[in-house]
């Protein structure tokens, strides 16, 4: 028997159950993967609370790394014994092993260990599309990044510096400010004691930034708009504080002919060739040490409820991983 986290109703972390599960054999186009590490992302809580609807009962999690133990028919490009990682597949990554579609797998280079892969595949690919696909950034541009000490934030800051960008990051405490600075953040704003938009204008000589990357949502939306330069772009890629408010088109005009986009990772890795290109760039930076992946929290998979409490309370810093 394998073990997995499942939930039968939406709600708080207490709805997560640690259970024995039958895995079975892979069917056509499927593989059975034995997990070596499982990633935890803030988006996991959206499924648990019902913000992202899922048929119940359901598994939990969309990111893990491990080894292929069996393949079904019609599987090409992968074989038993291959090291793989994945993100964005059907719910069920919070498990010791599982059967899943082979189309979601990404080959994992030998130079990257399983814990690192599970803690950064979603965050790293998110950073990849944010920096390499959303907007034509140029060396010398200044951008604003909320949650700069978070899992995406720390990868983003390091990658942005490789591209020659100046990064203004927001954090909730001085402790997190030090972490963001250590990653390379040029200017850090502690939003609990500083007005973000005012500081951004001061840093940019009144101009504002061409792009704001906002994973917080509800509580930062107005601040993000007020930090943009004329014809700037607000990238809303998360809702940690709640859903992004409805957009008033006239407000965008009044504030400087602004643009807003709400991208999803799935749409940037749906094409296998694009996914391979983004993953290849990410993996090359990590394997060469140009981007460091710091795993700040490790949990047993049976401790999923506590892990969710920690990430929702803001106690978590950087990446978290479940070790098996």
C-alpha atoms as a PDB file:
ATOM      1  CA  UNK A   1       0.000   0.000   0.000  1.00  0.00           C
ATOM      2  CA  UNK A   2       1.059   3.569  -0.686  1.00  0.00           C
ATOM      3  CA  UNK A   3       0.219   6.512   1.573  1.00  0.00           C
ATOM      4  CA  UNK A   4      -1.325   9.808   0.564  1.00  0.00           C
ATOM      5  CA  UNK A   5      -2.956  12.975   1.871  1.00  0.00           C
ATOM      6  CA  UNK A   6      -6.609  13.265   0.844  1.00  0.00           C
ATOM      7  CA  UNK A   7      -9.496  15.571   1.734  1.00  0.00           C
ATOM      8  CA  UNK A   8     -13.227  14.902   1.674  1.00  0.00           C
ATOM      9  CA  UNK A   9     -14.504  18.404   2.346  1.00  0.00           C
ATOM     10  CA  UNK A  10     -13.118  21.906   1.934  1.00  0.00           C
ATOM     11  CA  UNK A  11     -11.968  23.867   4.957  1.00  0.00           C
ATOM     12  CA  UNK A  12      -8.964  24.478   7.180  1.00  0.00           C
ATOM     13  CA  UNK A  13      -5.819  22.354   7.433  1.00  0.00           C
ATOM     14  CA  UNK A  14      -7.681  19.927   9.682  1.00  0.00           C
ATOM     15  CA  UNK A  15      -9.562  18.473   6.667  1.00  0.00           C
ATOM     16  CA  UNK A  16      -6.347  16.873   5.375  1.00  0.00           C
ATOM     17  CA  UNK A  17      -6.185  13.122   6.088  1.00  0.00           C
ATOM     18  CA  UNK A  18      -3.194  10.749   5.945  1.00  0.00           C
ATOM     19  CA  UNK A  19      -4.406   7.466   4.449  1.00  0.00           C
ATOM     20  CA  UNK A  20      -3.348   4.171   2.897  1.00  0.00           C
ATOM     21  CA  UNK A  21      -4.224   4.107  -0.818  1.00  0.00           C
ATOM     22  CA  UNK A  22      -4.177   1.595  -3.670  1.00  0.00           C
ATOM     23  CA  UNK A  23      -2.056   2.794  -6.581  1.00  0.00           C
ATOM     24  CA  UNK A  24      -2.587   0.165  -9.259  1.00  0.00           C
ATOM     25  CA  UNK A  25      -0.885  -0.288 -12.610  1.00  0.00           C
ATOM     26  CA  UNK A  26      -0.426   2.469 -15.172  1.00  0.00           C
ATOM     27  CA  UNK A  27      -2.755   2.508 -18.169  1.00  0.00           C
ATOM     28  CA  UNK A  28      -2.104   3.724 -21.714  1.00  0.00           C
ATOM     29  CA  UNK A  29      -0.016   6.907 -21.693  1.00  0.00           C
ATOM     30  CA  UNK A  30       0.523   6.646 -17.919  1.00  0.00           C
ATOM     31  CA  UNK A  31       3.421   5.904 -15.571  1.00  0.00           C
ATOM     32  CA  UNK A  32       3.754   4.939 -11.922  1.00  0.00           C
ATOM     33  CA  UNK A  33       6.137   7.255 -10.110  1.00  0.00           C
ATOM     34  CA  UNK A  34       7.740   6.553  -6.724  1.00  0.00           C
ATOM     35  CA  UNK A  35       8.177   9.934  -5.092  1.00  0.00           C
ATOM     36  CA  UNK A  36      11.423  10.886  -3.415  1.00  0.00           C
ATOM     37  CA  UNK A  37      10.263  14.408  -2.460  1.00  0.00           C
ATOM     38  CA  UNK A  38       7.031  16.388  -2.726  1.00  0.00           C
ATOM     39  CA  UNK A  39       6.730  20.134  -3.140  1.00  0.00           C
ATOM     40  CA  UNK A  40       4.378  22.404  -1.193  1.00  0.00           C
ATOM     41  CA  UNK A  41       3.034  25.586  -2.737  1.00  0.00           C
ATOM     42  CA  UNK A  42       0.690  28.270  -1.442  1.00  0.00           C
ATOM     43  CA  UNK A  43      -1.676  27.357  -4.274  1.00  0.00           C
ATOM     44  CA  UNK A  44      -2.227  23.993  -2.555  1.00  0.00           C
ATOM     45  CA  UNK A  45      -4.252  25.815   0.081  1.00  0.00           C
ATOM     46  CA  UNK A  46      -6.566  27.186  -2.628  1.00  0.00           C
ATOM     47  CA  UNK A  47      -7.726  23.647  -3.451  1.00  0.00           C
ATOM     48  CA  UNK A  48      -8.127  22.775   0.227  1.00  0.00           C
ATOM     49  CA  UNK A  49     -10.285  25.842   0.925  1.00  0.00           C
ATOM     50  CA  UNK A  50     -12.322  25.508  -2.266  1.00  0.00           C
ATOM     51  CA  UNK A  51     -11.051  28.700  -3.900  1.00  0.00           C
ATOM     52  CA  UNK A  52      -9.933  26.381  -6.696  1.00  0.00           C
ATOM     53  CA  UNK A  53     -12.807  23.858  -6.995  1.00  0.00           C
ATOM     54  CA  UNK A  54     -11.953  20.159  -7.199  1.00  0.00           C
ATOM     55  CA  UNK A  55     -14.224  17.084  -7.270  1.00  0.00           C
ATOM     56  CA  UNK A  56     -14.283  15.511  -3.810  1.00  0.00           C
ATOM     57  CA  UNK A  57     -12.823  13.404  -2.369  1.00  0.00           C
ATOM     58  CA  UNK A  58      -9.498  14.500  -3.803  1.00  0.00           C
ATOM     59  CA  UNK A  59      -5.773  14.150  -3.393  1.00  0.00           C
ATOM     60  CA  UNK A  60      -3.594  17.154  -2.651  1.00  0.00           C
ATOM     61  CA  UNK A  61      -0.613  18.757  -4.369  1.00  0.00           C
ATOM     62  CA  UNK A  62       0.632  19.134  -7.943  1.00  0.00           C
ATOM     63  CA  UNK A  63       4.432  18.962  -7.631  1.00  0.00           C
ATOM     64  CA  UNK A  64       6.889  16.183  -6.857  1.00  0.00           C
ATOM     65  CA  UNK A  65      10.070  14.462  -8.007  1.00  0.00           C
ATOM     66  CA  UNK A  66      10.936  10.800  -8.107  1.00  0.00           C
ATOM     67  CA  UNK A  67      11.665   7.721 -10.183  1.00  0.00           C
ATOM     68  CA  UNK A  68       9.500   5.941 -12.755  1.00  0.00           C
ATOM     69  CA  UNK A  69       8.705   2.421 -11.537  1.00  0.00           C
ATOM     70  CA  UNK A  70       6.370   1.252 -14.312  1.00  0.00           C
ATOM     71  CA  UNK A  71       5.065   2.465 -17.652  1.00  0.00           C
ATOM     72  CA  UNK A  72       1.842   1.753 -19.492  1.00  0.00           C
ATOM     73  CA  UNK A  73       1.468   1.326 -23.217  1.00  0.00           C
ATOM     74  CA  UNK A  74       1.965   4.247 -25.599  1.00  0.00           C
ATOM     75  CA  UNK A  75       4.485   6.004 -23.321  1.00  0.00           C
ATOM     76  CA  UNK A  76       7.316   7.560 -25.300  1.00  0.00           C
ATOM     77  CA  UNK A  77      10.345   9.477 -24.103  1.00  0.00           C
ATOM     78  CA  UNK A  78      10.376   7.923 -20.620  1.00  0.00           C
ATOM     79  CA  UNK A  79      11.399   4.534 -19.237  1.00  0.00           C
ATOM     80  CA  UNK A  80      11.518   2.655 -15.954  1.00  0.00           C
ATOM     81  CA  UNK A  81      14.288   4.073 -13.762  1.00  0.00           C
ATOM     82  CA  UNK A  82      14.179   7.597 -15.198  1.00  0.00           C
ATOM     83  CA  UNK A  83      14.493  10.497 -12.765  1.00  0.00           C
ATOM     84  CA  UNK A  84      11.603  12.933 -13.275  1.00  0.00           C
ATOM     85  CA  UNK A  85       9.927  15.966 -11.803  1.00  0.00           C
ATOM     86  CA  UNK A  86       6.573  17.562 -12.556  1.00  0.00           C
ATOM     87  CA  UNK A  87       4.129  20.300 -11.715  1.00  0.00           C
ATOM     88  CA  UNK A  88       0.594  21.122 -12.803  1.00  0.00           C
ATOM     89  CA  UNK A  89      -0.600  17.549 -13.097  1.00  0.00           C
ATOM     90  CA  UNK A  90      -3.899  16.317 -11.574  1.00  0.00           C
ATOM     91  CA  UNK A  91      -4.093  16.608  -7.793  1.00  0.00           C
ATOM     92  CA  UNK A  92      -2.369  13.822  -5.901  1.00  0.00           C
ATOM     93  CA  UNK A  93       1.298  14.713  -5.482  1.00  0.00           C
ATOM     94  CA  UNK A  94       1.058  14.491  -1.662  1.00  0.00           C
ATOM     95  CA  UNK A  95       1.685  10.739  -1.865  1.00  0.00           C
ATOM     96  CA  UNK A  96       4.478   8.192  -1.643  1.00  0.00           C
ATOM     97  CA  UNK A  97       3.721   6.980  -5.170  1.00  0.00           C
ATOM     98  CA  UNK A  98       1.073   7.498  -7.821  1.00  0.00           C
ATOM     99  CA  UNK A  99      -0.076   6.740 -11.348  1.00  0.00           C
ATOM    100  CA  UNK A 100      -0.217   9.793 -13.597  1.00  0.00           C
ATOM    101  CA  UNK A 101      -0.115  10.864 -17.262  1.00  0.00           C
ATOM    102  CA  UNK A 102       3.401  10.734 -18.680  1.00  0.00           C
ATOM    103  CA  UNK A 103       2.741  13.933 -20.637  1.00  0.00           C
ATOM    104  CA  UNK A 104       3.181  15.983 -17.459  1.00  0.00           C
ATOM    105  CA  UNK A 105       6.668  14.695 -16.661  1.00  0.00           C
ATOM    106  CA  UNK A 106       9.916  16.616 -17.070  1.00  0.00           C
ATOM    107  CA  UNK A 107      13.220  14.751 -17.242  1.00  0.00           C
ATOM    108  CA  UNK A 108      15.372  15.634 -14.232  1.00  0.00           C
ATOM    109  CA  UNK A 109      19.119  16.130 -14.834  1.00  0.00           C
ATOM    110  CA  UNK A 110      21.470  14.098 -12.633  1.00  0.00           C
ATOM    111  CA  UNK A 111      22.981  17.317 -11.270  1.00  0.00           C
ATOM    112  CA  UNK A 112      19.785  18.292  -9.449  1.00  0.00           C
ATOM    113  CA  UNK A 113      18.687  16.294  -6.391  1.00  0.00           C
ATOM    114  CA  UNK A 114      15.084  15.298  -5.727  1.00  0.00           C
ATOM    115  CA  UNK A 115      14.509  17.672  -2.801  1.00  0.00           C
ATOM    116  CA  UNK A 116      15.694  20.626  -4.866  1.00  0.00           C
ATOM    117  CA  UNK A 117      13.546  19.605  -7.828  1.00  0.00           C
ATOM    118  CA  UNK A 118      10.388  19.164  -5.744  1.00  0.00           C
ATOM    119  CA  UNK A 119      10.881  22.487  -4.003  1.00  0.00           C
ATOM    120  CA  UNK A 120      11.467  24.528  -7.154  1.00  0.00           C
ATOM    121  CA  UNK A 121       9.814  23.037 -10.244  1.00  0.00           C
ATOM    122  CA  UNK A 122       6.594  25.047  -9.894  1.00  0.00           C
ATOM    123  CA  UNK A 123       8.300  28.111  -8.424  1.00  0.00           C
ATOM    124  CA  UNK A 124      11.119  27.985 -10.947  1.00  0.00           C
ATOM    125  CA  UNK A 125       8.868  27.560 -13.975  1.00  0.00           C
ATOM    126  CA  UNK A 126       6.637  30.326 -12.645  1.00  0.00           C
ATOM    127  CA  UNK A 127       9.666  32.591 -12.429  1.00  0.00           C
ATOM    128  CA  UNK A 128      10.732  31.489 -15.898  1.00  0.00           C
ATOM    129  CA  UNK A 129       7.518  32.578 -17.576  1.00  0.00           C
ATOM    130  CA  UNK A 130       7.253  35.759 -15.493  1.00  0.00           C
ATOM    131  CA  UNK A 131      10.706  36.929 -16.539  1.00  0.00           C
ATOM    132  CA  UNK A 132      11.031  35.336 -19.973  1.00  0.00           C
ATOM    133  CA  UNK A 133       7.533  35.477 -21.471  1.00  0.00           C
ATOM    134  CA  UNK A 134       5.258  38.138 -19.914  1.00  0.00           C
ATOM    135  CA  UNK A 135       7.012  41.400 -20.804  1.00  0.00           C
ATOM    136  CA  UNK A 136      10.056  42.324 -22.953  1.00  0.00           C
ATOM    137  CA  UNK A 137      12.310  43.286 -20.063  1.00  0.00           C
ATOM    138  CA  UNK A 138      15.647  44.927 -20.778  1.00  0.00           C
ATOM    139  CA  UNK A 139      18.827  45.164 -18.720  1.00  0.00           C
ATOM    140  CA  UNK A 140      18.555  48.280 -16.567  1.00  0.00           C
ATOM    141  CA  UNK A 141      14.777  48.041 -16.042  1.00  0.00           C
ATOM    142  CA  UNK A 142      13.472  48.333 -12.484  1.00  0.00           C
ATOM    143  CA  UNK A 143      10.626  46.066 -11.353  1.00  0.00           C
ATOM    144  CA  UNK A 144       8.590  45.699  -8.166  1.00  0.00           C
ATOM    145  CA  UNK A 145       8.136  42.221  -6.683  1.00  0.00           C
ATOM    146  CA  UNK A 146       5.813  41.520  -3.769  1.00  0.00           C
ATOM    147  CA  UNK A 147       6.741  38.710  -1.337  1.00  0.00           C
ATOM    148  CA  UNK A 148      10.410  38.925  -2.258  1.00  0.00           C
ATOM    149  CA  UNK A 149      11.405  36.445   0.478  1.00  0.00           C
ATOM    150  CA  UNK A 150       8.891  33.830  -0.647  1.00  0.00           C
ATOM    151  CA  UNK A 151       9.515  30.675  -2.640  1.00  0.00           C
ATOM    152  CA  UNK A 152       9.002  32.345  -6.009  1.00  0.00           C
ATOM    153  CA  UNK A 153      10.485  35.606  -4.750  1.00  0.00           C
ATOM    154  CA  UNK A 154      13.943  34.264  -3.923  1.00  0.00           C
ATOM    155  CA  UNK A 155      14.274  32.513  -7.288  1.00  0.00           C
ATOM    156  CA  UNK A 156      12.886  35.581  -9.081  1.00  0.00           C
ATOM    157  CA  UNK A 157      15.375  37.969  -7.471  1.00  0.00           C
ATOM    158  CA  UNK A 158      18.381  35.833  -8.404  1.00  0.00           C
ATOM    159  CA  UNK A 159      17.202  35.300 -11.986  1.00  0.00           C
ATOM    160  CA  UNK A 160      16.321  38.984 -12.391  1.00  0.00           C
ATOM    161  CA  UNK A 161      19.863  39.958 -11.416  1.00  0.00           C
ATOM    162  CA  UNK A 162      21.221  37.592 -14.084  1.00  0.00           C
ATOM    163  CA  UNK A 163      19.141  39.588 -16.580  1.00  0.00           C
ATOM    164  CA  UNK A 164      20.535  42.903 -15.365  1.00  0.00           C
ATOM    165  CA  UNK A 165      17.322  44.100 -13.706  1.00  0.00           C
ATOM    166  CA  UNK A 166      16.991  46.270 -10.611  1.00  0.00           C
ATOM    167  CA  UNK A 167      14.565  44.671  -8.139  1.00  0.00           C
ATOM    168  CA  UNK A 168      12.467  46.451  -5.530  1.00  0.00           C
ATOM    169  CA  UNK A 169      11.034  43.813  -3.197  1.00  0.00           C
ATOM    170  CA  UNK A 170       8.396  43.976  -0.481  1.00  0.00           C
ATOM    171  CA  UNK A 171       8.450  41.864   2.682  1.00  0.00           C
ATOM    172  CA  UNK A 172       6.589  41.775   5.994  1.00  0.00           C
ATOM    173  CA  UNK A 173       9.510  41.929   8.446  1.00  0.00           C
ATOM    174  CA  UNK A 174      13.131  42.962   8.830  1.00  0.00           C
ATOM    175  CA  UNK A 175      14.099  39.283   9.099  1.00  0.00           C
ATOM    176  CA  UNK A 176      12.616  38.639   5.658  1.00  0.00           C
ATOM    177  CA  UNK A 177      14.195  41.855   4.386  1.00  0.00           C
ATOM    178  CA  UNK A 178      17.638  40.443   5.193  1.00  0.00           C
ATOM    179  CA  UNK A 179      16.805  37.238   3.338  1.00  0.00           C
ATOM    180  CA  UNK A 180      15.668  39.191   0.266  1.00  0.00           C
ATOM    181  CA  UNK A 181      18.810  41.340   0.322  1.00  0.00           C
ATOM    182  CA  UNK A 182      21.009  38.254   0.578  1.00  0.00           C
ATOM    183  CA  UNK A 183      19.353  36.933  -2.590  1.00  0.00           C
ATOM    184  CA  UNK A 184      20.293  40.139  -4.408  1.00  0.00           C
ATOM    185  CA  UNK A 185      17.265  42.394  -3.954  1.00  0.00           C
ATOM    186  CA  UNK A 186      18.429  45.967  -4.609  1.00  0.00           C
ATOM    187  CA  UNK A 187      15.791  47.792  -2.551  1.00  0.00           C
ATOM    188  CA  UNK A 188      13.633  46.193   0.136  1.00  0.00           C
ATOM    189  CA  UNK A 189      10.420  47.751   1.460  1.00  0.00           C
ATOM    190  CA  UNK A 190       8.995  46.454   4.749  1.00  0.00           C
ATOM    191  CA  UNK A 191       5.332  47.049   3.963  1.00  0.00           C
ATOM    192  CA  UNK A 192       4.219  46.817   7.599  1.00  0.00           C
ATOM    193  CA  UNK A 193       5.975  50.114   8.364  1.00  0.00           C
ATOM    194  CA  UNK A 194       6.497  51.821   4.976  1.00  0.00           C
ATOM    195  CA  UNK A 195       4.119  52.965   2.247  1.00  0.00           C
ATOM    196  CA  UNK A 196       5.054  50.872  -0.753  1.00  0.00           C
ATOM    197  CA  UNK A 197       3.898  53.177  -3.558  1.00  0.00           C
ATOM    198  CA  UNK A 198       5.540  56.204  -1.951  1.00  0.00           C
ATOM    199  CA  UNK A 199       8.850  54.375  -1.560  1.00  0.00           C
ATOM    200  CA  UNK A 200       8.706  53.080  -5.139  1.00  0.00           C
ATOM    201  CA  UNK A 201       8.263  56.650  -6.410  1.00  0.00           C
ATOM    202  CA  UNK A 202      11.187  57.800  -4.267  1.00  0.00           C
ATOM    203  CA  UNK A 203      13.437  55.012  -5.539  1.00  0.00           C
ATOM    204  CA  UNK A 204      12.509  55.624  -9.182  1.00  0.00           C
ATOM    205  CA  UNK A 205      12.678  59.412  -9.077  1.00  0.00           C
ATOM    206  CA  UNK A 206       8.906  59.698  -9.323  1.00  0.00           C
ATOM    207  CA  UNK A 207       8.545  57.593 -12.474  1.00  0.00           C
ATOM    208  CA  UNK A 208       7.274  54.309 -11.034  1.00  0.00           C
ATOM    209  CA  UNK A 209       8.168  50.891 -12.427  1.00  0.00           C
ATOM    210  CA  UNK A 210       7.245  49.412 -15.813  1.00  0.00           C
ATOM    211  CA  UNK A 211       6.153  46.086 -14.281  1.00  0.00           C
ATOM    212  CA  UNK A 212       4.811  44.993 -10.890  1.00  0.00           C
ATOM    213  CA  UNK A 213       4.731  41.263 -10.058  1.00  0.00           C
ATOM    214  CA  UNK A 214       2.000  40.659  -7.463  1.00  0.00           C
ATOM    215  CA  UNK A 215       1.309  37.256  -5.899  1.00  0.00           C
ATOM    216  CA  UNK A 216      -0.589  38.718  -2.931  1.00  0.00           C
ATOM    217  CA  UNK A 217      -3.812  39.872  -4.591  1.00  0.00           C
ATOM    218  CA  UNK A 218      -6.546  41.575  -2.617  1.00  0.00           C
ATOM    219  CA  UNK A 219      -4.507  43.657  -0.170  1.00  0.00           C
ATOM    220  CA  UNK A 220      -1.808  44.812  -2.595  1.00  0.00           C
ATOM    221  CA  UNK A 221      -3.798  45.482  -5.781  1.00  0.00           C
ATOM    222  CA  UNK A 222      -4.245  49.234  -5.298  1.00  0.00           C
ATOM    223  CA  UNK A 223      -0.659  49.691  -4.110  1.00  0.00           C
ATOM    224  CA  UNK A 224       0.580  47.809  -7.145  1.00  0.00           C
ATOM    225  CA  UNK A 225      -1.346  50.066  -9.535  1.00  0.00           C
ATOM    226  CA  UNK A 226      -0.055  53.149  -7.736  1.00  0.00           C
ATOM    227  CA  UNK A 227       3.538  51.931  -8.154  1.00  0.00           C
ATOM    228  CA  UNK A 228       3.383  51.644 -11.945  1.00  0.00           C
ATOM    229  CA  UNK A 229       4.853  54.026 -14.480  1.00  0.00           C
ATOM    230  CA  UNK A 230       2.706  55.359 -17.284  1.00  0.00           C
ATOM    231  CA  UNK A 231       1.562  52.460 -19.518  1.00  0.00           C
ATOM    232  CA  UNK A 232       2.949  50.024 -16.944  1.00  0.00           C
ATOM    233  CA  UNK A 233       1.906  46.396 -16.523  1.00  0.00           C
ATOM    234  CA  UNK A 234       0.545  44.757 -13.351  1.00  0.00           C
ATOM    235  CA  UNK A 235       1.100  40.993 -13.361  1.00  0.00           C
ATOM    236  CA  UNK A 236      -1.324  39.386 -10.881  1.00  0.00           C
ATOM    237  CA  UNK A 237      -0.038  35.817 -10.525  1.00  0.00           C
ATOM    238  CA  UNK A 238      -1.319  34.883  -7.062  1.00  0.00           C
ATOM    239  CA  UNK A 239      -3.969  35.600  -4.456  1.00  0.00           C
ATOM    240  CA  UNK A 240      -2.322  34.935  -1.082  1.00  0.00           C
ATOM    241  CA  UNK A 241      -4.478  37.585   0.653  1.00  0.00           C
ATOM    242  CA  UNK A 242      -7.649  36.839  -1.319  1.00  0.00           C
ATOM    243  CA  UNK A 243      -8.947  37.280  -4.876  1.00  0.00           C
ATOM    244  CA  UNK A 244      -7.875  40.293  -6.894  1.00  0.00           C
ATOM    245  CA  UNK A 245     -10.628  42.984  -6.817  1.00  0.00           C
ATOM    246  CA  UNK A 246     -12.738  43.629  -9.920  1.00  0.00           C
ATOM    247  CA  UNK A 247     -10.907  45.824 -12.413  1.00  0.00           C
ATOM    248  CA  UNK A 248     -12.260  49.292 -13.139  1.00  0.00           C
ATOM    249  CA  UNK A 249     -11.190  50.057 -16.712  1.00  0.00           C
ATOM    250  CA  UNK A 250     -11.525  53.811 -16.211  1.00  0.00           C
ATOM    251  CA  UNK A 251      -9.233  53.590 -13.171  1.00  0.00           C
ATOM    252  CA  UNK A 252      -6.549  52.088 -15.397  1.00  0.00           C
ATOM    253  CA  UNK A 253      -6.866  55.044 -17.775  1.00  0.00           C
ATOM    254  CA  UNK A 254      -6.781  57.653 -15.010  1.00  0.00           C
ATOM    255  CA  UNK A 255      -3.692  56.114 -13.404  1.00  0.00           C
ATOM    256  CA  UNK A 256      -1.678  56.209 -16.631  1.00  0.00           C
ATOM    257  CA  UNK A 257      -3.150  53.908 -19.312  1.00  0.00           C
ATOM    258  CA  UNK A 258      -2.150  50.857 -17.305  1.00  0.00           C
ATOM    259  CA  UNK A 259      -2.353  47.178 -18.221  1.00  0.00           C
ATOM    260  CA  UNK A 260      -3.311  44.220 -15.985  1.00  0.00           C
ATOM    261  CA  UNK A 261      -2.821  40.516 -16.693  1.00  0.00           C
ATOM    262  CA  UNK A 262      -3.737  37.430 -14.645  1.00  0.00           C
ATOM    263  CA  UNK A 263      -1.539  34.626 -16.060  1.00  0.00           C
ATOM    264  CA  UNK A 264      -1.511  30.960 -15.055  1.00  0.00           C
ATOM    265  CA  UNK A 265       1.515  28.676 -15.222  1.00  0.00           C
ATOM    266  CA  UNK A 266      -0.504  25.973 -17.000  1.00  0.00           C
ATOM    267  CA  UNK A 267      -0.857  28.157 -20.087  1.00  0.00           C
ATOM    268  CA  UNK A 268       2.903  28.690 -20.313  1.00  0.00           C
ATOM    269  CA  UNK A 269       3.886  25.014 -20.014  1.00  0.00           C
ATOM    270  CA  UNK A 270       1.011  23.451 -21.963  1.00  0.00           C
ATOM    271  CA  UNK A 271       3.177  23.234 -25.082  1.00  0.00           C
ATOM    272  CA  UNK A 272       5.819  20.499 -24.518  1.00  0.00           C
ATOM    273  CA  UNK A 273       8.471  22.379 -26.481  1.00  0.00           C
ATOM    274  CA  UNK A 274       7.977  25.603 -24.523  1.00  0.00           C
ATOM    275  CA  UNK A 275       7.912  23.689 -21.223  1.00  0.00           C
ATOM    276  CA  UNK A 276      11.184  21.978 -22.136  1.00  0.00           C
ATOM    277  CA  UNK A 277      12.757  25.302 -23.089  1.00  0.00           C
ATOM    278  CA  UNK A 278      11.753  27.020 -19.854  1.00  0.00           C
ATOM    279  CA  UNK A 279      12.742  23.994 -17.737  1.00  0.00           C
ATOM    280  CA  UNK A 280      16.078  23.721 -19.538  1.00  0.00           C
ATOM    281  CA  UNK A 281      16.928  27.341 -18.800  1.00  0.00           C
ATOM    282  CA  UNK A 282      15.886  26.939 -15.153  1.00  0.00           C
ATOM    283  CA  UNK A 283      17.788  23.688 -14.641  1.00  0.00           C
ATOM    284  CA  UNK A 284      20.947  25.069 -16.249  1.00  0.00           C
ATOM    285  CA  UNK A 285      20.990  28.037 -13.864  1.00  0.00           C
ATOM    286  CA  UNK A 286      20.407  25.811 -10.824  1.00  0.00           C
ATOM    287  CA  UNK A 287      22.897  23.117 -11.823  1.00  0.00           C
ATOM    288  CA  UNK A 288      25.581  25.759 -12.463  1.00  0.00           C
ATOM    289  CA  UNK A 289      24.929  27.445  -9.105  1.00  0.00           C
ATOM    290  CA  UNK A 290      23.817  30.714 -10.678  1.00  0.00           C
ATOM    291  CA  UNK A 291      20.464  30.294  -8.892  1.00  0.00           C
ATOM    292  CA  UNK A 292      20.512  28.797  -5.406  1.00  0.00           C
ATOM    293  CA  UNK A 293      17.470  26.954  -4.104  1.00  0.00           C
ATOM    294  CA  UNK A 294      17.216  27.297  -0.348  1.00  0.00           C
ATOM    295  CA  UNK A 295      14.877  24.804   1.306  1.00  0.00           C
ATOM    296  CA  UNK A 296      13.864  26.544   4.494  1.00  0.00           C
ATOM    297  CA  UNK A 297      11.210  24.122   5.755  1.00  0.00           C
ATOM    298  CA  UNK A 298      11.166  20.325   5.621  1.00  0.00           C
ATOM    299  CA  UNK A 299       8.228  18.206   6.744  1.00  0.00           C
ATOM    300  CA  UNK A 300       7.158  14.597   6.775  1.00  0.00           C
ATOM    301  CA  UNK A 301       4.274  14.084   4.363  1.00  0.00           C
ATOM    302  CA  UNK A 302       2.039  13.088   7.274  1.00  0.00           C
ATOM    303  CA  UNK A 303       2.614  16.608   8.667  1.00  0.00           C
ATOM    304  CA  UNK A 304       0.791  18.285   5.769  1.00  0.00           C
ATOM    305  CA  UNK A 305      -1.773  19.997   8.022  1.00  0.00           C
ATOM    306  CA  UNK A 306       0.974  21.732  10.023  1.00  0.00           C
ATOM    307  CA  UNK A 307       2.788  22.693   6.842  1.00  0.00           C
ATOM    308  CA  UNK A 308      -0.393  24.375   5.578  1.00  0.00           C
ATOM    309  CA  UNK A 309      -0.805  26.237   8.883  1.00  0.00           C
ATOM    310  CA  UNK A 310       2.758  27.506   8.635  1.00  0.00           C
ATOM    311  CA  UNK A 311       2.505  28.770   5.062  1.00  0.00           C
ATOM    312  CA  UNK A 312      -0.881  30.437   5.617  1.00  0.00           C
ATOM    313  CA  UNK A 313       0.318  32.193   8.767  1.00  0.00           C
ATOM    314  CA  UNK A 314       3.348  33.685   7.012  1.00  0.00           C
ATOM    315  CA  UNK A 315       5.820  31.728   9.146  1.00  0.00           C
ATOM    316  CA  UNK A 316       7.285  29.996   6.107  1.00  0.00           C
ATOM    317  CA  UNK A 317      10.251  31.575   4.310  1.00  0.00           C
ATOM    318  CA  UNK A 318      11.345  30.551   0.827  1.00  0.00           C
ATOM    319  CA  UNK A 319      10.687  26.980  -0.282  1.00  0.00           C
ATOM    320  CA  UNK A 320       9.135  24.079   1.631  1.00  0.00           C
ATOM    321  CA  UNK A 321       9.382  20.388   0.817  1.00  0.00           C
ATOM    322  CA  UNK A 322       7.998  17.081   2.070  1.00  0.00           C
ATOM    323  CA  UNK A 323      10.742  14.463   2.368  1.00  0.00           C
ATOM    324  CA  UNK A 324      10.046  10.754   1.931  1.00  0.00           C
END
